[in-house]
Amino acid sequence: MDSQRSQNLAGAVDRPGFGNVRRTTNVYQTQDTFVIETDSLTYTVSEIARGTKPANLTVNGPVKFAVEGTTLYLLDDGGKEHRTDIVKKVLKQSPEAPK
């Protein structure tokens, strides 16, 4: 249904400079968030990029996935498997019968 990419500050690293000067460099991590909808549930999942290409998914397109505990494994449009963490799982409400 949706995807979003963000850069989050993960920390800082001190690096030596010239003389007694030290440099502090911020370290960022890339996080991709996806919303996957089924007939009964809506999953919000997150993947931290660790030197790999992000999942190539089409918004509102079909996606193959499997859930194991709090982990959701998905296949992107290129057939590559990605491991994501389930951030939120929402049960869809069925429409109430007319009174």
Protein backbone atom coordinates (compact mmCIF):
# COMPACT_ATOMS: atom_id res chain seq x y z
CA MET A 1 0.00 0.00 0.00
CA ASP A 2 2.76 2.46 0.90
CA SER A 3 6.50 2.85 1.39
CA GLN A 4 8.77 5.44 2.97
CA ARG A 5 12.54 5.87 3.36
CA SER A 6 14.19 7.78 6.18
CA GLN A 7 17.71 8.53 7.42
CA ASN A 8 18.04 8.14 11.18
CA LEU A 9 20.97 9.27 13.31
CA ALA A 10 22.57 6.08 14.63
CA GLY A 11 25.43 7.72 16.54
CA ALA A 12 28.71 9.55 16.10
CA VAL A 13 32.30 8.51 15.53
CA ASP A 14 35.36 10.45 16.70
CA ARG A 15 38.13 10.56 14.10
CA PRO A 16 41.62 11.91 14.52
CA GLY A 17 42.39 15.18 12.76
CA PHE A 18 45.54 17.26 12.51
CA GLY A 19 47.47 17.74 15.74
CA ASN A 20 45.27 17.41 18.81
CA VAL A 21 42.09 18.20 16.87
CA ARG A 22 39.49 15.42 16.70
CA ARG A 23 36.59 15.30 14.28
CA THR A 24 33.17 13.96 15.11
CA THR A 25 31.28 12.43 12.22
CA ASN A 26 27.59 11.57 12.46
CA VAL A 27 26.60 8.08 11.35
CA TYR A 28 23.17 7.56 9.77
CA GLN A 29 21.27 4.40 8.95
CA THR A 30 18.70 4.06 6.19
CA GLN A 31 15.33 2.67 7.20
CA ASP A 32 12.61 1.62 4.79
CA THR A 33 9.03 1.29 6.04
CA PHE A 34 6.34 -0.59 4.11
CA VAL A 35 2.60 -1.05 4.63
CA ILE A 36 1.29 -4.43 3.44
CA GLU A 37 -2.43 -5.12 3.39
CA THR A 38 -4.16 -8.50 3.35
CA ASP A 39 -7.86 -9.37 3.46
CA SER A 40 -7.82 -9.44 7.26
CA LEU A 41 -4.68 -7.58 8.46
CA THR A 42 -2.58 -4.52 7.70
CA TYR A 43 1.13 -4.85 8.52
CA THR A 44 3.57 -1.98 8.94
CA VAL A 45 7.10 -3.35 8.60
CA SER A 46 10.57 -1.84 8.77
CA GLU A 47 13.86 -2.83 7.14
CA ILE A 48 17.23 -1.36 8.15
CA ALA A 49 19.53 -1.20 5.09
CA ARG A 50 22.77 -2.98 5.96
CA GLY A 51 24.83 -2.52 2.81
CA THR A 52 22.19 -4.08 0.57
CA LYS A 53 19.83 -2.57 -1.94
CA PRO A 54 16.40 -1.69 -0.57
CA ALA A 55 13.36 -3.76 -1.46
CA ASN A 56 12.05 -2.87 -4.91
CA LEU A 57 8.27 -2.85 -4.41
CA THR A 58 5.45 -1.31 -6.41
CA VAL A 59 3.00 0.71 -4.31
CA ASN A 60 -0.45 -0.95 -4.44
CA GLY A 61 1.11 -3.93 -6.25
CA PRO A 62 1.03 -7.57 -5.19
CA VAL A 63 3.72 -8.84 -2.83
CA LYS A 64 4.58 -12.36 -1.69
CA PHE A 65 5.43 -12.64 2.00
CA ALA A 66 5.58 -14.99 4.98
CA VAL A 67 5.25 -14.15 8.67
CA GLU A 68 7.32 -15.85 11.35
CA GLY A 69 6.72 -14.41 14.81
CA THR A 70 7.57 -10.69 14.66
CA THR A 71 9.46 -11.04 11.37
CA LEU A 72 7.94 -10.65 7.91
CA TYR A 73 9.91 -12.00 4.94
CA LEU A 74 8.96 -10.55 1.58
CA LEU A 75 9.93 -11.05 -2.05
CA ASP A 76 10.43 -7.80 -3.95
CA ASP A 77 9.58 -7.21 -7.61
CA GLY A 78 12.97 -8.68 -8.62
CA GLY A 79 12.43 -11.87 -6.60
CA LYS A 80 14.95 -10.91 -3.89
CA GLU A 81 14.07 -11.88 -0.30
CA HIS A 82 14.06 -9.18 2.40
CA ARG A 83 13.79 -9.65 6.17
CA THR A 84 11.70 -6.98 7.90
CA ASP A 85 10.52 -6.38 11.46
CA ILE A 86 6.79 -6.05 12.09
CA VAL A 87 6.26 -2.64 13.67
CA LYS A 88 2.46 -2.76 13.76
CA LYS A 89 -0.25 -5.29 12.93
CA VAL A 90 -3.84 -4.05 12.63
CA LEU A 91 -6.87 -6.32 12.35
CA LYS A 92 -9.36 -5.07 9.77
CA GLN A 93 -12.87 -4.58 11.02
CA SER A 94 -15.47 -6.47 9.05
CA PRO A 95 -18.41 -4.36 7.92
CA GLU A 96 -21.35 -4.74 10.28
CA ALA A 97 -24.53 -6.27 8.97
CA PRO A 98 -27.34 -3.76 8.35
CA LYS A 99 -29.82 -3.48 11.23
